[in-house]
Amino acid sequence: MAWYWRYEDANGDPVTVEAVPSEAFTSQADAESWLGETWRELLEAGVESVSLLEGDRVEYARMSLRPA
């Protein structure tokens, strides 16, 4: 099953970001590494939070991209 990030706005609604296309990953570790490299671009493009999914199963829900 593929892993992927769902991009969300401030209300938690899904958003599409053309500047950073959605990608599918073969492992959770690959997905997490990719997010660690691109979270700033996502934030600049208007993404406030992300959820990590494996197929239809949610692994992480609404993880903020804003620094704590």
PDB file of N, CA and C in Angstrom:
ATOM      1  N   MET A   1       0.841  -1.176   0.000  1.00  0.00           N
ATOM      2  CA  MET A   1       0.000   0.000   0.000  1.00  0.00           C
ATOM      3  C   MET A   1       0.886   1.238   0.000  1.00  0.00           C
ATOM      4  N   ALA A   2       0.498   2.257  -0.715  1.00  0.00           N
ATOM      5  CA  ALA A   2       1.283   3.490  -0.817  1.00  0.00           C
ATOM      6  C   ALA A   2       0.974   4.442   0.337  1.00  0.00           C
ATOM      7  N   TRP A   3       1.976   5.207   0.700  1.00  0.00           N
ATOM      8  CA  TRP A   3       1.860   6.244   1.724  1.00  0.00           C
ATOM      9  C   TRP A   3       1.803   7.581   1.003  1.00  0.00           C
ATOM     10  N   TYR A   4       0.996   8.504   1.512  1.00  0.00           N
ATOM     11  CA  TYR A   4       0.969   9.838   0.923  1.00  0.00           C
ATOM     12  C   TYR A   4       0.492  10.855   1.956  1.00  0.00           C
ATOM     13  N   TRP A   5       0.839  12.122   1.692  1.00  0.00           N
ATOM     14  CA  TRP A   5       0.448  13.226   2.558  1.00  0.00           C
ATOM     15  C   TRP A   5      -0.784  13.896   1.988  1.00  0.00           C
ATOM     16  N   ARG A   6      -1.737  14.206   2.833  1.00  0.00           N
ATOM     17  CA  ARG A   6      -2.892  15.020   2.441  1.00  0.00           C
ATOM     18  C   ARG A   6      -2.611  16.422   2.965  1.00  0.00           C
ATOM     19  N   TYR A   7      -2.646  17.405   2.065  1.00  0.00           N
ATOM     20  CA  TYR A   7      -2.402  18.799   2.423  1.00  0.00           C
ATOM     21  C   TYR A   7      -3.709  19.421   2.889  1.00  0.00           C
ATOM     22  N   GLU A   8      -3.638  20.229   3.968  1.00  0.00           N
ATOM     23  CA  GLU A   8      -4.843  20.800   4.564  1.00  0.00           C
ATOM     24  C   GLU A   8      -4.677  22.286   4.852  1.00  0.00           C
ATOM     25  N   ASP A   9      -5.795  23.004   4.782  1.00  0.00           N
ATOM     26  CA  ASP A   9      -5.782  24.424   5.119  1.00  0.00           C
ATOM     27  C   ASP A   9      -5.968  24.603   6.628  1.00  0.00           C
ATOM     28  N   ALA A  10      -6.152  25.835   7.062  1.00  0.00           N
ATOM     29  CA  ALA A  10      -6.266  26.122   8.503  1.00  0.00           C
ATOM     30  C   ALA A  10      -7.484  25.460   9.135  1.00  0.00           C
ATOM     31  N   ASN A  11      -8.504  25.144   8.340  1.00  0.00           N
ATOM     32  CA  ASN A  11      -9.706  24.483   8.858  1.00  0.00           C
ATOM     33  C   ASN A  11      -9.612  22.969   8.794  1.00  0.00           C
ATOM     34  N   GLY A  12      -8.522  22.446   8.255  1.00  0.00           N
ATOM     35  CA  GLY A  12      -8.373  20.999   8.114  1.00  0.00           C
ATOM     36  C   GLY A  12      -8.967  20.449   6.829  1.00  0.00           C
ATOM     37  N   ASP A  13      -9.410  21.348   5.946  1.00  0.00           N
ATOM     38  CA  ASP A  13      -9.965  20.922   4.664  1.00  0.00           C
ATOM     39  C   ASP A  13      -8.832  20.636   3.678  1.00  0.00           C
ATOM     40  N   PRO A  14      -8.972  19.604   2.876  1.00  0.00           N
ATOM     41  CA  PRO A  14      -7.926  19.280   1.890  1.00  0.00           C
ATOM     42  C   PRO A  14      -7.720  20.421   0.889  1.00  0.00           C
ATOM     43  N   VAL A  15      -6.467  20.657   0.527  1.00  0.00           N
ATOM     44  CA  VAL A  15      -6.120  21.654  -0.485  1.00  0.00           C
ATOM     45  C   VAL A  15      -5.177  21.021  -1.499  1.00  0.00           C
ATOM     46  N   THR A  16      -5.191  21.577  -2.696  1.00  0.00           N
ATOM     47  CA  THR A  16      -4.275  21.153  -3.747  1.00  0.00           C
ATOM     48  C   THR A  16      -3.188  22.204  -3.879  1.00  0.00           C
ATOM     49  N   VAL A  17      -1.956  21.766  -3.948  1.00  0.00           N
ATOM     50  CA  VAL A  17      -0.832  22.675  -4.074  1.00  0.00           C
ATOM     51  C   VAL A  17      -0.112  22.340  -5.372  1.00  0.00           C
ATOM     52  N   GLU A  18      -0.244  23.204  -6.356  1.00  0.00           N
ATOM     53  CA  GLU A  18       0.386  22.938  -7.646  1.00  0.00           C
ATOM     54  C   GLU A  18       1.901  23.065  -7.571  1.00  0.00           C
ATOM     55  N   ALA A  19       2.403  23.948  -6.702  1.00  0.00           N
ATOM     56  CA  ALA A  19       3.850  24.163  -6.601  1.00  0.00           C
ATOM     57  C   ALA A  19       4.568  22.939  -6.048  1.00  0.00           C
ATOM     58  N   VAL A  20       3.880  22.155  -5.228  1.00  0.00           N
ATOM     59  CA  VAL A  20       4.462  20.949  -4.634  1.00  0.00           C
ATOM     60  C   VAL A  20       3.465  19.810  -4.861  1.00  0.00           C
ATOM     61  N   PRO A  21       3.655  19.039  -5.919  1.00  0.00           N
ATOM     62  CA  PRO A  21       2.681  17.987  -6.213  1.00  0.00           C
ATOM     63  C   PRO A  21       2.664  16.893  -5.150  1.00  0.00           C
ATOM     64  N   SER A  22       1.529  16.268  -5.025  1.00  0.00           N
ATOM     65  CA  SER A  22       1.388  15.150  -4.101  1.00  0.00           C
ATOM     66  C   SER A  22       2.165  13.959  -4.643  1.00  0.00           C
ATOM     67  N   GLU A  23       2.843  13.255  -3.770  1.00  0.00           N
ATOM     68  CA  GLU A  23       3.637  12.100  -4.168  1.00  0.00           C
ATOM     69  C   GLU A  23       3.208  10.884  -3.367  1.00  0.00           C
ATOM     70  N   ALA A  24       3.388   9.712  -3.960  1.00  0.00           N
ATOM     71  CA  ALA A  24       3.164   8.453  -3.262  1.00  0.00           C
ATOM     72  C   ALA A  24       4.522   7.873  -2.878  1.00  0.00           C
ATOM     73  N   PHE A  25       4.592   7.278  -1.704  1.00  0.00           N
ATOM     74  CA  PHE A  25       5.846   6.738  -1.186  1.00  0.00           C
ATOM     75  C   PHE A  25       5.668   5.261  -0.868  1.00  0.00           C
ATOM     76  N   THR A  26       6.763   4.520  -0.955  1.00  0.00           N
ATOM     77  CA  THR A  26       6.690   3.076  -0.702  1.00  0.00           C
ATOM     78  C   THR A  26       6.794   2.736   0.783  1.00  0.00           C
ATOM     79  N   SER A  27       7.218   3.709   1.605  1.00  0.00           N
ATOM     80  CA  SER A  27       7.324   3.452   3.039  1.00  0.00           C
ATOM     81  C   SER A  27       6.995   4.709   3.832  1.00  0.00           C
ATOM     82  N   GLN A  28       6.647   4.513   5.082  1.00  0.00           N
ATOM     83  CA  GLN A  28       6.382   5.626   5.983  1.00  0.00           C
ATOM     84  C   GLN A  28       7.640   6.465   6.161  1.00  0.00           C
ATOM     85  N   ALA A  29       8.787   5.821   6.286  1.00  0.00           N
ATOM     86  CA  ALA A  29      10.052   6.534   6.469  1.00  0.00           C
ATOM     87  C   ALA A  29      10.356   7.444   5.287  1.00  0.00           C
ATOM     88  N   ASP A  30      10.103   6.969   4.064  1.00  0.00           N
ATOM     89  CA  ASP A  30      10.328   7.801   2.880  1.00  0.00           C
ATOM     90  C   ASP A  30       9.406   9.018   2.886  1.00  0.00           C
ATOM     91  N   ALA A  31       8.148   8.808   3.257  1.00  0.00           N
ATOM     92  CA  ALA A  31       7.191   9.912   3.319  1.00  0.00           C
ATOM     93  C   ALA A  31       7.614  10.939   4.370  1.00  0.00           C
ATOM     94  N   GLU A  32       8.052  10.471   5.527  1.00  0.00           N
ATOM     95  CA  GLU A  32       8.469  11.375   6.591  1.00  0.00           C
ATOM     96  C   GLU A  32       9.732  12.143   6.211  1.00  0.00           C
ATOM     97  N   SER A  33      10.678  11.494   5.561  1.00  0.00           N
ATOM     98  CA  SER A  33      11.899  12.167   5.107  1.00  0.00           C
ATOM     99  C   SER A  33      11.574  13.257   4.102  1.00  0.00           C
ATOM    100  N   TRP A  34      10.685  12.943   3.165  1.00  0.00           N
ATOM    101  CA  TRP A  34      10.287  13.911   2.147  1.00  0.00           C
ATOM    102  C   TRP A  34       9.654  15.133   2.799  1.00  0.00           C
ATOM    103  N   LEU A  35       8.768  14.920   3.775  1.00  0.00           N
ATOM    104  CA  LEU A  35       8.125  16.046   4.439  1.00  0.00           C
ATOM    105  C   LEU A  35       9.158  16.904   5.166  1.00  0.00           C
ATOM    106  N   GLY A  36      10.143  16.265   5.773  1.00  0.00           N
ATOM    107  CA  GLY A  36      11.196  17.004   6.453  1.00  0.00           C
ATOM    108  C   GLY A  36      11.973  17.913   5.519  1.00  0.00           C
ATOM    109  N   GLU A  37      12.031  17.555   4.244  1.00  0.00           N
ATOM    110  CA  GLU A  37      12.743  18.356   3.251  1.00  0.00           C
ATOM    111  C   GLU A  37      11.861  19.419   2.601  1.00  0.00           C
ATOM    112  N   THR A  38      10.538  19.260   2.631  1.00  0.00           N
ATOM    113  CA  THR A  38       9.663  20.152   1.858  1.00  0.00           C
ATOM    114  C   THR A  38       8.626  20.917   2.675  1.00  0.00           C
ATOM    115  N   TRP A  39       8.601  20.760   3.979  1.00  0.00           N
ATOM    116  CA  TRP A  39       7.545  21.396   4.760  1.00  0.00           C
ATOM    117  C   TRP A  39       7.528  22.910   4.612  1.00  0.00           C
ATOM    118  N   ARG A  40       8.682  23.533   4.444  1.00  0.00           N
ATOM    119  CA  ARG A  40       8.724  24.994   4.299  1.00  0.00           C
ATOM    120  C   ARG A  40       8.032  25.434   3.014  1.00  0.00           C
ATOM    121  N   GLU A  41       8.275  24.717   1.920  1.00  0.00           N
ATOM    122  CA  GLU A  41       7.617  25.054   0.649  1.00  0.00           C
ATOM    123  C   GLU A  41       6.107  24.867   0.747  1.00  0.00           C
ATOM    124  N   LEU A  42       5.687  23.810   1.448  1.00  0.00           N
ATOM    125  CA  LEU A  42       4.261  23.581   1.634  1.00  0.00           C
ATOM    126  C   LEU A  42       3.632  24.724   2.429  1.00  0.00           C
ATOM    127  N   LEU A  43       4.282  25.136   3.495  1.00  0.00           N
ATOM    128  CA  LEU A  43       3.777  26.226   4.326  1.00  0.00           C
ATOM    129  C   LEU A  43       3.679  27.510   3.512  1.00  0.00           C
ATOM    130  N   GLU A  44       4.699  27.817   2.733  1.00  0.00           N
ATOM    131  CA  GLU A  44       4.683  29.009   1.878  1.00  0.00           C
ATOM    132  C   GLU A  44       3.577  28.944   0.828  1.00  0.00           C
ATOM    133  N   ALA A  45       3.194  27.741   0.418  1.00  0.00           N
ATOM    134  CA  ALA A  45       2.151  27.559  -0.597  1.00  0.00           C
ATOM    135  C   ALA A  45       0.749  27.559   0.010  1.00  0.00           C
ATOM    136  N   GLY A  46       0.639  27.743   1.329  1.00  0.00           N
ATOM    137  CA  GLY A  46      -0.664  27.843   1.967  1.00  0.00           C
ATOM    138  C   GLY A  46      -1.132  26.607   2.706  1.00  0.00           C
ATOM    139  N   VAL A  47      -0.284  25.598   2.805  1.00  0.00           N
ATOM    140  CA  VAL A  47      -0.645  24.397   3.558  1.00  0.00           C
ATOM    141  C   VAL A  47      -0.344  24.656   5.032  1.00  0.00           C
ATOM    142  N   GLU A  48      -1.341  24.470   5.894  1.00  0.00           N
ATOM    143  CA  GLU A  48      -1.162  24.702   7.325  1.00  0.00           C
ATOM    144  C   GLU A  48      -0.872  23.419   8.087  1.00  0.00           C
ATOM    145  N   SER A  49      -1.425  22.314   7.604  1.00  0.00           N
ATOM    146  CA  SER A  49      -1.215  21.032   8.271  1.00  0.00           C
ATOM    147  C   SER A  49      -1.249  19.920   7.233  1.00  0.00           C
ATOM    148  N   VAL A  50      -0.789  18.753   7.646  1.00  0.00           N
ATOM    149  CA  VAL A  50      -0.800  17.587   6.771  1.00  0.00           C
ATOM    150  C   VAL A  50      -1.264  16.375   7.565  1.00  0.00           C
ATOM    151  N   SER A  51      -1.794  15.414   6.845  1.00  0.00           N
ATOM    152  CA  SER A  51      -2.133  14.120   7.429  1.00  0.00           C
ATOM    153  C   SER A  51      -1.429  13.062   6.608  1.00  0.00           C
ATOM    154  N   LEU A  52      -0.874  12.065   7.272  1.00  0.00           N
ATOM    155  CA  LEU A  52      -0.197  10.969   6.586  1.00  0.00           C
ATOM    156  C   LEU A  52      -1.153   9.792   6.475  1.00  0.00           C
ATOM    157  N   LEU A  53      -1.319   9.303   5.253  1.00  0.00           N
ATOM    158  CA  LEU A  53      -2.223   8.183   5.006  1.00  0.00           C
ATOM    159  C   LEU A  53      -1.485   7.030   4.350  1.00  0.00           C
ATOM    160  N   GLU A  54      -1.893   5.840   4.715  1.00  0.00           N
ATOM    161  CA  GLU A  54      -1.455   4.627   4.031  1.00  0.00           C
ATOM    162  C   GLU A  54      -2.717   4.063   3.400  1.00  0.00           C
ATOM    163  N   GLY A  55      -2.851   4.278   2.094  1.00  0.00           N
ATOM    164  CA  GLY A  55      -4.112   3.941   1.448  1.00  0.00           C
ATOM    165  C   GLY A  55      -5.197   4.846   2.004  1.00  0.00           C
ATOM    166  N   ASP A  56      -6.236   4.278   2.597  1.00  0.00           N
ATOM    167  CA  ASP A  56      -7.311   5.054   3.214  1.00  0.00           C
ATOM    168  C   ASP A  56      -7.152   5.203   4.720  1.00  0.00           C
ATOM    169  N   ARG A  57      -6.157   4.542   5.294  1.00  0.00           N
ATOM    170  CA  ARG A  57      -5.944   4.575   6.745  1.00  0.00           C
ATOM    171  C   ARG A  57      -5.098   5.784   7.130  1.00  0.00           C
ATOM    172  N   VAL A  58      -5.569   6.552   8.108  1.00  0.00           N
ATOM    173  CA  VAL A  58      -4.841   7.732   8.573  1.00  0.00           C
ATOM    174  C   VAL A  58      -3.850   7.312   9.658  1.00  0.00           C
ATOM    175  N   GLU A  59      -2.565   7.594   9.416  1.00  0.00           N
ATOM    176  CA  GLU A  59      -1.511   7.325  10.395  1.00  0.00           C
ATOM    177  C   GLU A  59      -1.327   8.533  11.318  1.00  0.00           C
ATOM    178  N   TYR A  60      -1.187   9.726  10.726  1.00  0.00           N
ATOM    179  CA  TYR A  60      -1.106  10.986  11.482  1.00  0.00           C
ATOM    180  C   TYR A  60      -2.231  11.875  10.985  1.00  0.00           C
ATOM    181  N   ALA A  61      -2.938  12.520  11.884  1.00  0.00           N
ATOM    182  CA  ALA A  61      -4.016  13.427  11.497  1.00  0.00           C
ATOM    183  C   ALA A  61      -3.670  14.856  11.891  1.00  0.00           C
ATOM    184  N   ARG A  62      -3.792  15.742  10.950  1.00  0.00           N
ATOM    185  CA  ARG A  62      -3.638  17.199  11.146  1.00  0.00           C
ATOM    186  C   ARG A  62      -2.383  17.579  11.911  1.00  0.00           C
ATOM    187  N   MET A  63      -1.247  17.242  11.358  1.00  0.00           N
ATOM    188  CA  MET A  63       0.030  17.634  11.941  1.00  0.00           C
ATOM    189  C   MET A  63       0.374  19.024  11.399  1.00  0.00           C
ATOM    190  N   SER A  64       0.483  19.990  12.288  1.00  0.00           N
ATOM    191  CA  SER A  64       0.765  21.376  11.901  1.00  0.00           C
ATOM    192  C   SER A  64       2.160  21.489  11.287  1.00  0.00           C
ATOM    193  N   LEU A  65       2.270  22.368  10.303  1.00  0.00           N
ATOM    194  CA  LEU A  65       3.578  22.669   9.719  1.00  0.00           C
ATOM    195  C   LEU A  65       4.219  23.886  10.382  1.00  0.00           C
ATOM    196  N   ARG A  66       3.488  24.546  11.244  1.00  0.00           N
ATOM    197  CA  ARG A  66       4.020  25.721  11.953  1.00  0.00           C
ATOM    198  C   ARG A  66       4.939  25.270  13.085  1.00  0.00           C
ATOM    199  N   PRO A  67       6.058  25.966  13.257  1.00  0.00           N
ATOM    200  CA  PRO A  67       6.939  25.646  14.383  1.00  0.00           C
ATOM    201  C   PRO A  67       6.196  25.810  15.708  1.00  0.00           C
ATOM    202  N   ALA A  68       6.557  24.999  16.672  1.00  0.00           N
ATOM    203  CA  ALA A  68       5.887  25.034  17.988  1.00  0.00           C
ATOM    204  C   ALA A  68       6.212  26.312  18.727  1.00  0.00           C
TER     205      ALA A  68
END
